[in-house]
C-alpha atoms as a PDB file:
ATOM      1  CA  MET A   1      18.943  -3.816  10.817  1.00  0.00           C
ATOM      2  CA  ILE A   2      15.794  -5.715   9.930  1.00  0.00           C
ATOM      3  CA  GLU A   3      15.900  -8.327   7.204  1.00  0.00           C
ATOM      4  CA  ILE A   4      12.752  -9.075   5.230  1.00  0.00           C
ATOM      5  CA  PHE A   5      12.273 -11.922   2.783  1.00  0.00           C
ATOM      6  CA  THR A   6       9.141 -12.065   0.634  1.00  0.00           C
ATOM      7  CA  ASP A   7       7.349 -14.048  -2.015  1.00  0.00           C
ATOM      8  CA  GLY A   8       3.930 -14.076  -3.594  1.00  0.00           C
ATOM      9  CA  SER A   9       2.077 -16.712  -5.522  1.00  0.00           C
ATOM     10  CA  SER A  10      -1.017 -17.000  -7.651  1.00  0.00           C
ATOM     11  CA  LEU A  11      -2.548 -20.342  -8.598  1.00  0.00           C
ATOM     12  CA  GLY A  12      -3.544 -19.086 -12.000  1.00  0.00           C
ATOM     13  CA  ASN A  13      -2.988 -15.488 -12.937  1.00  0.00           C
ATOM     14  CA  PRO A  14      -5.547 -14.324 -11.948  1.00  0.00           C
ATOM     15  CA  GLY A  15      -6.634 -16.950  -9.485  1.00  0.00           C
ATOM     16  CA  PRO A  16      -6.359 -17.781  -5.816  1.00  0.00           C
ATOM     17  CA  GLY A  17      -3.202 -16.252  -4.428  1.00  0.00           C
ATOM     18  CA  GLY A  18      -1.153 -15.721  -1.321  1.00  0.00           C
ATOM     19  CA  TYR A  19       1.906 -14.064   0.067  1.00  0.00           C
ATOM     20  CA  GLY A  20       4.590 -15.094   2.505  1.00  0.00           C
ATOM     21  CA  ALA A  21       7.055 -12.926   4.368  1.00  0.00           C
ATOM     22  CA  ILE A  22       9.755 -13.429   6.965  1.00  0.00           C
ATOM     23  CA  LEU A  23      11.040 -10.676   9.235  1.00  0.00           C
ATOM     24  CA  ARG A  24      14.321 -11.238  11.072  1.00  0.00           C
ATOM     25  CA  SER A  25      16.209  -8.962  13.426  1.00  0.00           C
ATOM     26  CA  GLY A  26      18.715 -10.344  15.885  1.00  0.00           C
ATOM     27  CA  LYS A  27      16.994 -13.125  17.824  1.00  0.00           C
ATOM     28  CA  HIS A  28      13.548 -12.063  16.582  1.00  0.00           C
ATOM     29  CA  TYR A  29      11.882 -14.018  13.782  1.00  0.00           C
ATOM     30  CA  LYS A  30       8.350 -13.703  12.429  1.00  0.00           C
ATOM     31  CA  GLU A  31       6.483 -15.309   9.544  1.00  0.00           C
ATOM     32  CA  LEU A  32       3.475 -13.645   7.894  1.00  0.00           C
ATOM     33  CA  SER A  33       1.099 -14.997   5.257  1.00  0.00           C
ATOM     34  CA  ALA A  34      -2.441 -14.660   3.944  1.00  0.00           C
ATOM     35  CA  GLY A  35      -4.480 -15.991   1.045  1.00  0.00           C
ATOM     36  CA  PHE A  36      -6.945 -14.362  -1.335  1.00  0.00           C
ATOM     37  CA  GLN A  37      -9.765 -15.700  -3.509  1.00  0.00           C
ATOM     38  CA  ARG A  38      -8.840 -14.002  -6.774  1.00  0.00           C
ATOM     39  CA  THR A  39      -5.723 -11.955  -7.367  1.00  0.00           C
ATOM     40  CA  THR A  40      -2.504 -11.837  -9.385  1.00  0.00           C
ATOM     41  CA  ASN A  41       1.059 -12.867  -8.713  1.00  0.00           C
ATOM     42  CA  ASN A  42       2.336  -9.274  -8.918  1.00  0.00           C
ATOM     43  CA  ARG A  43      -0.240  -8.098  -6.376  1.00  0.00           C
ATOM     44  CA  MET A  44       0.848 -10.826  -3.972  1.00  0.00           C
ATOM     45  CA  GLU A  45       4.542 -10.050  -4.470  1.00  0.00           C
ATOM     46  CA  LEU A  46       3.913  -6.392  -3.669  1.00  0.00           C
ATOM     47  CA  LEU A  47       1.531  -7.106  -0.796  1.00  0.00           C
ATOM     48  CA  ALA A  48       4.135  -9.345   0.855  1.00  0.00           C
ATOM     49  CA  VAL A  49       6.549  -6.397   0.990  1.00  0.00           C
ATOM     50  CA  ILE A  50       3.860  -4.008   2.235  1.00  0.00           C
ATOM     51  CA  VAL A  51       2.619  -6.243   5.038  1.00  0.00           C
ATOM     52  CA  ALA A  52       6.167  -6.964   6.178  1.00  0.00           C
ATOM     53  CA  LEU A  53       7.044  -3.260   6.291  1.00  0.00           C
ATOM     54  CA  GLU A  54       3.784  -2.487   8.104  1.00  0.00           C
ATOM     55  CA  ALA A  55       4.733  -5.049  10.761  1.00  0.00           C
ATOM     56  CA  ILE A  56       7.717  -2.920  11.798  1.00  0.00           C
ATOM     57  CA  ARG A  57       6.551  -0.892  14.786  1.00  0.00           C
ATOM     58  CA  GLU A  58       9.252   1.771  15.066  1.00  0.00           C
ATOM     59  CA  PRO A  59       9.863   4.204  12.196  1.00  0.00           C
ATOM     60  CA  GLY A  60      13.314   4.977  10.864  1.00  0.00           C
ATOM     61  CA  GLN A  61      14.579   1.404  10.762  1.00  0.00           C
ATOM     62  CA  MET A  62      17.230   0.196   8.356  1.00  0.00           C
ATOM     63  CA  VAL A  63      15.511  -2.528   6.351  1.00  0.00           C
ATOM     64  CA  HIS A  64      16.978  -4.928   3.808  1.00  0.00           C
ATOM     65  CA  ILE A  65      14.368  -6.651   1.633  1.00  0.00           C
ATOM     66  CA  THR A  66      15.193  -9.740  -0.399  1.00  0.00           C
ATOM     67  CA  SER A  67      12.643 -10.643  -3.070  1.00  0.00           C
ATOM     68  CA  ASP A  68      12.484 -12.682  -6.254  1.00  0.00           C
ATOM     69  CA  SER A  69      10.033 -10.177  -7.768  1.00  0.00           C
ATOM     70  CA  LYS A  70      11.544  -8.105 -10.571  1.00  0.00           C
ATOM     71  CA  TYR A  71       8.208  -6.251 -10.651  1.00  0.00           C
ATOM     72  CA  VAL A  72       8.716  -4.901  -7.125  1.00  0.00           C
ATOM     73  CA  VAL A  73      12.502  -4.672  -6.919  1.00  0.00           C
ATOM     74  CA  ASP A  74      12.968  -2.925 -10.261  1.00  0.00           C
ATOM     75  CA  ALA A  75      10.041  -0.545  -9.726  1.00  0.00           C
ATOM     76  CA  VAL A  76      11.698   0.764  -6.564  1.00  0.00           C
ATOM     77  CA  SER A  77      15.410   0.333  -7.280  1.00  0.00           C
ATOM     78  CA  LYS A  78      15.141   1.894 -10.731  1.00  0.00           C
ATOM     79  CA  GLY A  79      12.865   4.671  -9.460  1.00  0.00           C
ATOM     80  CA  TRP A  80       9.925   3.875 -11.705  1.00  0.00           C
ATOM     81  CA  VAL A  81       7.365   3.954  -8.888  1.00  0.00           C
ATOM     82  CA  PHE A  82       8.271   7.562  -8.068  1.00  0.00           C
ATOM     83  CA  GLY A  83       7.588   8.601 -11.653  1.00  0.00           C
ATOM     84  CA  TRP A  84       4.304   6.696 -11.566  1.00  0.00           C
ATOM     85  CA  GLU A  85       3.391   8.531  -8.385  1.00  0.00           C
ATOM     86  CA  LYS A  86       4.045  11.916 -10.024  1.00  0.00           C
ATOM     87  CA  LYS A  87       1.572  10.919 -12.737  1.00  0.00           C
ATOM     88  CA  SER A  88      -0.986   9.695 -10.149  1.00  0.00           C
ATOM     89  CA  PHE A  89      -0.377   6.109 -11.294  1.00  0.00           C
ATOM     90  CA  ALA A  90      -2.202   6.826 -14.560  1.00  0.00           C
ATOM     91  CA  LYS A  91      -2.491   3.653 -16.660  1.00  0.00           C
ATOM     92  CA  ARG A  92      -0.574   1.636 -14.047  1.00  0.00           C
ATOM     93  CA  LEU A  93      -1.682  -1.605 -12.477  1.00  0.00           C
ATOM     94  CA  ASN A  94      -2.146  -1.920  -8.721  1.00  0.00           C
ATOM     95  CA  PRO A  95      -2.233   1.778  -7.792  1.00  0.00           C
ATOM     96  CA  ASP A  96      -3.940   0.929  -4.486  1.00  0.00           C
ATOM     97  CA  LEU A  97      -0.999  -1.214  -3.415  1.00  0.00           C
ATOM     98  CA  TRP A  98       1.691   1.113  -4.752  1.00  0.00           C
ATOM     99  CA  LYS A  99       0.203   4.030  -2.770  1.00  0.00           C
ATOM    100  CA  ARG A 100       0.085   1.863   0.343  1.00  0.00           C
ATOM    101  CA  PHE A 101       3.661   0.746  -0.305  1.00  0.00           C
ATOM    102  CA  LEU A 102       5.005   4.283  -0.650  1.00  0.00           C
ATOM    103  CA  LYS A 103       3.361   5.346   2.600  1.00  0.00           C
ATOM    104  CA  VAL A 104       5.116   2.641   4.623  1.00  0.00           C
ATOM    105  CA  TYR A 105       8.326   2.656   2.546  1.00  0.00           C
ATOM    106  CA  ARG A 106       8.946   6.289   3.445  1.00  0.00           C
ATOM    107  CA  LYS A 107       8.894   5.474   7.170  1.00  0.00           C
ATOM    108  CA  HIS A 108      12.131   3.502   6.929  1.00  0.00           C
ATOM    109  CA  GLN A 109      15.499   3.319   5.202  1.00  0.00           C
ATOM    110  CA  VAL A 110      14.859   0.497   2.758  1.00  0.00           C
ATOM    111  CA  GLN A 111      17.204  -1.335   0.410  1.00  0.00           C
ATOM    112  CA  PHE A 112      16.086  -4.016  -2.020  1.00  0.00           C
ATOM    113  CA  HIS A 113      17.989  -7.060  -3.182  1.00  0.00           C
ATOM    114  CA  TRP A 114      16.724  -9.281  -6.009  1.00  0.00           C
ATOM    115  CA  ILE A 115      17.380 -13.013  -6.064  1.00  0.00           C
ATOM    116  CA  LYS A 116      16.385 -15.668  -8.568  1.00  0.00           C
ATOM    117  CA  GLY A 117      13.316 -17.554  -7.378  1.00  0.00           C
ATOM    118  CA  HIS A 118      13.505 -21.280  -6.663  1.00  0.00           C
ATOM    119  CA  SER A 119      17.282 -21.112  -6.504  1.00  0.00           C
ATOM    120  CA  GLY A 120      17.667 -22.769  -3.111  1.00  0.00           C
ATOM    121  CA  HIS A 121      17.688 -19.587  -0.999  1.00  0.00           C
ATOM    122  CA  ALA A 122      16.291 -20.925   2.299  1.00  0.00           C
ATOM    123  CA  GLU A 123      14.189 -17.922   3.295  1.00  0.00           C
ATOM    124  CA  ASN A 124      12.853 -17.381  -0.224  1.00  0.00           C
ATOM    125  CA  GLU A 125      11.862 -21.048  -0.426  1.00  0.00           C
ATOM    126  CA  ARG A 126      10.091 -20.764   2.940  1.00  0.00           C
ATOM    127  CA  CYS A 127       8.244 -17.622   1.795  1.00  0.00           C
ATOM    128  CA  ASP A 128       7.163 -19.487  -1.328  1.00  0.00           C
ATOM    129  CA  GLN A 129       5.823 -22.323   0.846  1.00  0.00           C
ATOM    130  CA  LEU A 130       3.926 -19.838   3.001  1.00  0.00           C
ATOM    131  CA  ALA A 131       2.455 -18.119  -0.065  1.00  0.00           C
ATOM    132  CA  VAL A 132       1.340 -21.340  -1.746  1.00  0.00           C
ATOM    133  CA  LEU A 133      -0.142 -22.759   1.464  1.00  0.00           C
ATOM    134  CA  ALA A 134      -2.030 -19.497   2.010  1.00  0.00           C
ATOM    135  CA  ALA A 135      -3.353 -19.556  -1.575  1.00  0.00           C
ATOM    136  CA  GLN A 136      -4.544 -23.127  -1.080  1.00  0.00           C
ATOM    137  CA  GLY A 137      -6.314 -22.302   2.180  1.00  0.00           C
ATOM    138  CA  SER A 138     -10.023 -22.744   2.735  1.00  0.00           C
ATOM    139  CA  ASP A 139     -10.604 -19.318   4.323  1.00  0.00           C
ATOM    140  CA  LEU A 140      -9.478 -16.948   1.560  1.00  0.00           C
ATOM    141  CA  SER A 141     -10.155 -13.232   1.755  1.00  0.00           C
ATOM    142  CA  ALA A 142     -11.321 -11.016  -1.071  1.00  0.00           C
ATOM    143  CA  ASP A 143      -8.611  -8.879  -2.654  1.00  0.00           C
ATOM    144  CA  ALA A 144     -10.701  -5.690  -2.704  1.00  0.00           C
ATOM    145  CA  GLY A 145      -8.199  -3.798  -4.860  1.00  0.00           C
ATOM    146  CA  TYR A 146      -8.266  -6.469  -7.525  1.00  0.00           C
ATOM    147  CA  GLN A 147     -11.953  -7.302  -7.472  1.00  0.00           C
END
């Protein structure tokens, strides 16, 4: 099983933003992060999950994702995103990221677990640090889907 922990942050909403993700499987551990010039918190929360899933090289893995994002966790766990997909994401925010998410999500067996943010969960706190540091970076990318 692969464990993924994610967080996203926006310094202003919209504003500079970043994501942080941790992948852990057995003795393997990897941190991922990136920052963007102008984006939203929800985009960064979702992008953290996407990038982490895309980092998994072999399809068909059992993946457990822990996130403090109700936006992401509820959309998947409650099945909303699948209804949005059937309606071609009409009147939904972030269709570019949701389409990208579904493509990689379907390659694995994924379960989501929501936790309260800033509650002392070590990996979630580290992901938050990664996201904020990325958002504060000097070499921020453009978030093409937002801009």
